[in-house]
N, C-alpha and C. Protein backbone atom coordinates (compact mmCIF):
# COMPACT_ATOMS: atom_id res chain seq x y z
N UNK A 1 -10.63 7.54 -41.22
CA UNK A 1 -11.34 7.90 -42.73
C UNK A 1 -12.92 7.36 -42.01
N UNK A 2 -13.58 8.35 -43.26
CA UNK A 2 -15.22 8.36 -43.03
C UNK A 2 -15.59 7.41 -44.45
N UNK A 3 -16.54 6.79 -44.02
CA UNK A 3 -17.13 5.65 -45.07
C UNK A 3 -18.25 6.86 -45.76
N UNK A 4 -17.96 6.86 -47.17
CA UNK A 4 -19.51 7.61 -47.42
C UNK A 4 -20.62 6.70 -47.40
N UNK A 5 -21.46 7.54 -46.92
CA UNK A 5 -22.57 6.58 -45.70
C UNK A 5 -23.40 6.00 -47.24
N UNK A 6 -23.41 7.25 -48.43
CA UNK A 6 -23.75 7.28 -50.04
C UNK A 6 -23.43 5.84 -50.49
N UNK A 7 -22.86 5.08 -50.30
CA UNK A 7 -21.44 4.13 -51.45
C UNK A 7 -22.96 3.25 -51.15
N UNK A 8 -23.11 2.07 -52.54
CA UNK A 8 -23.72 0.99 -52.41
C UNK A 8 -23.64 0.00 -51.43
N UNK A 9 -21.85 -0.01 -50.74
CA UNK A 9 -21.56 -1.34 -49.91
C UNK A 9 -21.86 -0.74 -48.71
N UNK A 10 -22.24 0.56 -48.37
CA UNK A 10 -22.33 1.09 -46.73
C UNK A 10 -24.18 1.07 -46.90
N UNK A 11 -24.41 1.16 -48.14
CA UNK A 11 -25.82 0.95 -47.84
C UNK A 11 -26.58 0.13 -48.12
N UNK A 12 -25.80 -1.52 -48.35
CA UNK A 12 -26.06 -2.94 -48.08
C UNK A 12 -25.59 -3.31 -46.57
N UNK A 13 -24.77 -2.72 -46.40
CA UNK A 13 -24.07 -3.02 -45.25
C UNK A 13 -25.20 -2.54 -44.37
N UNK A 14 -25.66 -1.48 -44.43
CA UNK A 14 -26.82 -0.71 -43.22
C UNK A 14 -28.05 -1.36 -43.52
N UNK A 15 -28.56 -2.62 -44.67
CA UNK A 15 -29.75 -3.06 -44.67
C UNK A 15 -29.85 -4.06 -44.22
N UNK A 16 -28.48 -4.58 -44.27
CA UNK A 16 -28.03 -6.17 -43.50
C UNK A 16 -28.31 -5.92 -41.88
N UNK A 17 -27.58 -5.07 -41.75
CA UNK A 17 -27.26 -4.59 -40.07
C UNK A 17 -28.96 -4.32 -39.62
N UNK A 18 -30.48 -3.88 -40.49
CA UNK A 18 -31.12 -3.77 -39.94
C UNK A 18 -31.36 -4.52 -39.85
N UNK A 19 -31.26 -5.21 -41.33
CA UNK A 19 -32.56 -6.80 -41.27
C UNK A 19 -31.95 -7.65 -39.86
N UNK A 20 -30.32 -7.87 -39.29
CA UNK A 20 -30.02 -8.70 -38.39
C UNK A 20 -31.01 -8.43 -37.71
N UNK A 21 -30.81 -6.98 -37.06
CA UNK A 21 -31.68 -6.66 -35.42
C UNK A 21 -32.87 -7.09 -35.77
N UNK A 22 -33.87 -6.71 -36.96
CA UNK A 22 -35.22 -7.24 -36.89
C UNK A 22 -35.44 -8.69 -36.51
N UNK A 23 -34.58 -9.32 -37.28
CA UNK A 23 -34.63 -11.02 -37.12
C UNK A 23 -34.69 -11.32 -35.57
N UNK A 24 -33.44 -10.23 -35.16
CA UNK A 24 -33.20 -10.72 -34.14
C UNK A 24 -34.37 -10.53 -32.71
N UNK A 25 -34.75 -9.31 -32.87
CA UNK A 25 -36.08 -8.78 -32.68
C UNK A 25 -36.84 -9.55 -32.12
N UNK A 26 -37.07 -10.22 -33.18
CA UNK A 26 -38.59 -11.09 -33.79
C UNK A 26 -38.30 -12.42 -32.79
N UNK A 27 -36.78 -12.96 -32.32
CA UNK A 27 -36.44 -14.19 -32.57
C UNK A 27 -36.73 -14.45 -31.02
N UNK A 28 -36.37 -12.94 -30.58
CA UNK A 28 -35.82 -12.85 -28.96
C UNK A 28 -37.49 -13.00 -27.97
N UNK A 29 -38.65 -12.43 -29.14
CA UNK A 29 -40.42 -12.57 -28.82
C UNK A 29 -40.79 -13.21 -29.46
N UNK A 30 -40.21 -14.08 -30.46
CA UNK A 30 -41.55 -14.75 -30.82
C UNK A 30 -40.81 -16.78 -30.01
N UNK A 31 -39.85 -16.66 -29.13
CA UNK A 31 -38.90 -18.09 -28.76
C UNK A 31 -39.32 -17.92 -27.02
N UNK A 32 -40.06 -18.69 -26.90
CA UNK A 32 -40.06 -19.14 -25.70
C UNK A 32 -39.37 -19.49 -24.67
N UNK A 33 -38.93 -19.06 -23.53
CA UNK A 33 -37.95 -19.18 -22.52
C UNK A 33 -37.39 -20.89 -22.70
N UNK A 34 -38.39 -21.87 -22.62
CA UNK A 34 -38.28 -23.38 -22.31
C UNK A 34 -37.68 -23.95 -23.72
N UNK A 35 -37.67 -23.09 -24.60
CA UNK A 35 -37.68 -23.35 -26.04
C UNK A 35 -35.89 -22.94 -26.63
N UNK A 36 -35.13 -22.38 -25.45
CA UNK A 36 -34.68 -21.80 -26.01
C UNK A 36 -32.87 -22.70 -25.97
N UNK A 37 -32.11 -22.85 -26.39
CA UNK A 37 -30.76 -23.52 -25.92
C UNK A 37 -29.96 -22.74 -25.51
N UNK A 38 -28.73 -23.42 -24.88
CA UNK A 38 -27.38 -22.32 -24.02
C UNK A 38 -27.15 -21.56 -25.15
N UNK A 39 -27.12 -21.72 -26.40
CA UNK A 39 -26.93 -20.71 -27.68
C UNK A 39 -27.57 -19.84 -27.90
N UNK A 40 -28.88 -19.54 -27.93
CA UNK A 40 -29.34 -18.88 -27.72
C UNK A 40 -29.00 -16.94 -27.67
N UNK A 41 -29.29 -17.09 -26.53
CA UNK A 41 -29.42 -15.75 -25.56
C UNK A 41 -27.68 -15.17 -26.28
N UNK A 42 -26.70 -15.42 -26.10
CA UNK A 42 -25.70 -15.31 -26.61
C UNK A 42 -25.29 -14.97 -28.02
N UNK A 43 -25.96 -15.43 -28.91
CA UNK A 43 -25.78 -15.68 -29.94
C UNK A 43 -26.44 -14.08 -30.60
N UNK A 44 -27.73 -13.79 -29.86
CA UNK A 44 -28.86 -13.26 -29.89
C UNK A 44 -27.87 -11.43 -29.71
N UNK A 45 -27.41 -11.46 -28.55
CA UNK A 45 -26.59 -10.57 -28.13
C UNK A 45 -25.13 -10.11 -28.82
N UNK A 46 -24.34 -11.37 -29.05
CA UNK A 46 -23.57 -11.02 -30.39
C UNK A 46 -24.17 -10.33 -31.63
N UNK A 47 -25.26 -11.37 -32.32
CA UNK A 47 -25.36 -10.02 -32.93
C UNK A 47 -25.97 -8.85 -32.77
N UNK A 48 -26.36 -8.15 -31.62
CA UNK A 48 -26.44 -6.82 -30.97
C UNK A 48 -25.21 -6.50 -30.76
N UNK A 49 -24.62 -6.75 -30.36
CA UNK A 49 -23.12 -6.11 -30.11
C UNK A 49 -22.55 -5.58 -31.75
N UNK A 50 -21.84 -6.69 -32.42
CA UNK A 50 -21.51 -6.90 -33.93
C UNK A 50 -22.13 -5.24 -34.22
N UNK A 51 -23.87 -5.18 -34.48
CA UNK A 51 -24.12 -4.03 -35.08
C UNK A 51 -23.97 -2.94 -34.74
N UNK A 52 -24.13 -2.80 -33.25
CA UNK A 52 -23.39 -1.54 -32.24
C UNK A 52 -22.40 -1.52 -32.41
N UNK A 53 -21.50 -2.17 -33.06
CA UNK A 53 -20.14 -1.92 -32.88
C UNK A 53 -19.56 -1.16 -34.26
N UNK A 54 -20.23 -1.43 -35.66
CA UNK A 54 -20.42 -0.81 -36.51
C UNK A 54 -21.21 0.82 -36.55
N UNK A 55 -21.88 0.94 -35.43
CA UNK A 55 -22.31 2.69 -35.55
C UNK A 55 -20.90 2.92 -34.40
N UNK A 56 -20.52 2.38 -33.35
CA UNK A 56 -19.37 2.70 -32.31
C UNK A 56 -18.42 3.18 -33.12
N UNK A 57 -18.12 2.18 -34.07
CA UNK A 57 -16.32 2.65 -35.30
C UNK A 57 -16.83 3.52 -36.30
N UNK A 58 -18.27 4.30 -36.01
CA UNK A 58 -18.86 5.38 -37.15
C UNK A 58 -18.68 4.44 -38.39
N UNK A 59 -18.38 3.14 -38.81
CA UNK A 59 -18.52 2.44 -40.10
C UNK A 59 -20.26 2.67 -40.52
N UNK A 60 -21.04 2.72 -39.86
CA UNK A 60 -22.00 3.43 -40.05
C UNK A 60 -22.57 4.68 -39.43
N UNK A 61 -23.81 5.23 -39.48
CA UNK A 61 -24.37 6.28 -39.25
C UNK A 61 -25.56 6.72 -38.44
N UNK A 62 -25.89 6.96 -38.23
CA UNK A 62 -27.62 7.02 -37.51
C UNK A 62 -27.51 7.50 -38.62
N UNK A 63 -29.05 8.15 -38.83
CA UNK A 63 -29.67 9.00 -39.53
C UNK A 63 -30.20 9.81 -39.08
N UNK A 64 -30.28 11.49 -39.65
CA UNK A 64 -31.30 12.02 -39.16
C UNK A 64 -32.22 12.11 -39.21
N UNK A 65 -33.51 12.16 -38.85
CA UNK A 65 -34.81 12.63 -38.60
C UNK A 65 -34.70 13.70 -39.16
N UNK A 66 -33.91 14.55 -39.64
CA UNK A 66 -34.28 16.32 -39.58
C UNK A 66 -34.16 16.24 -41.16
N UNK A 67 -33.59 15.54 -42.11
CA UNK A 67 -32.89 15.19 -43.29
C UNK A 67 -34.13 15.16 -44.26
């Protein structure tokens, strides 16, 4: 079953996933290693894996640059 990429729910999920990736990127870039807890890197990786899974399962689809 394909999810309608134009549905409000999918658009909101895409926006949420984009924000999550952006927060992870900033946190990873801005937090020096000496201030990271043992939970920091696994949590960031879990977030990346979660968003990646949305694309792998075709819940979200990459946007075509040609559209």
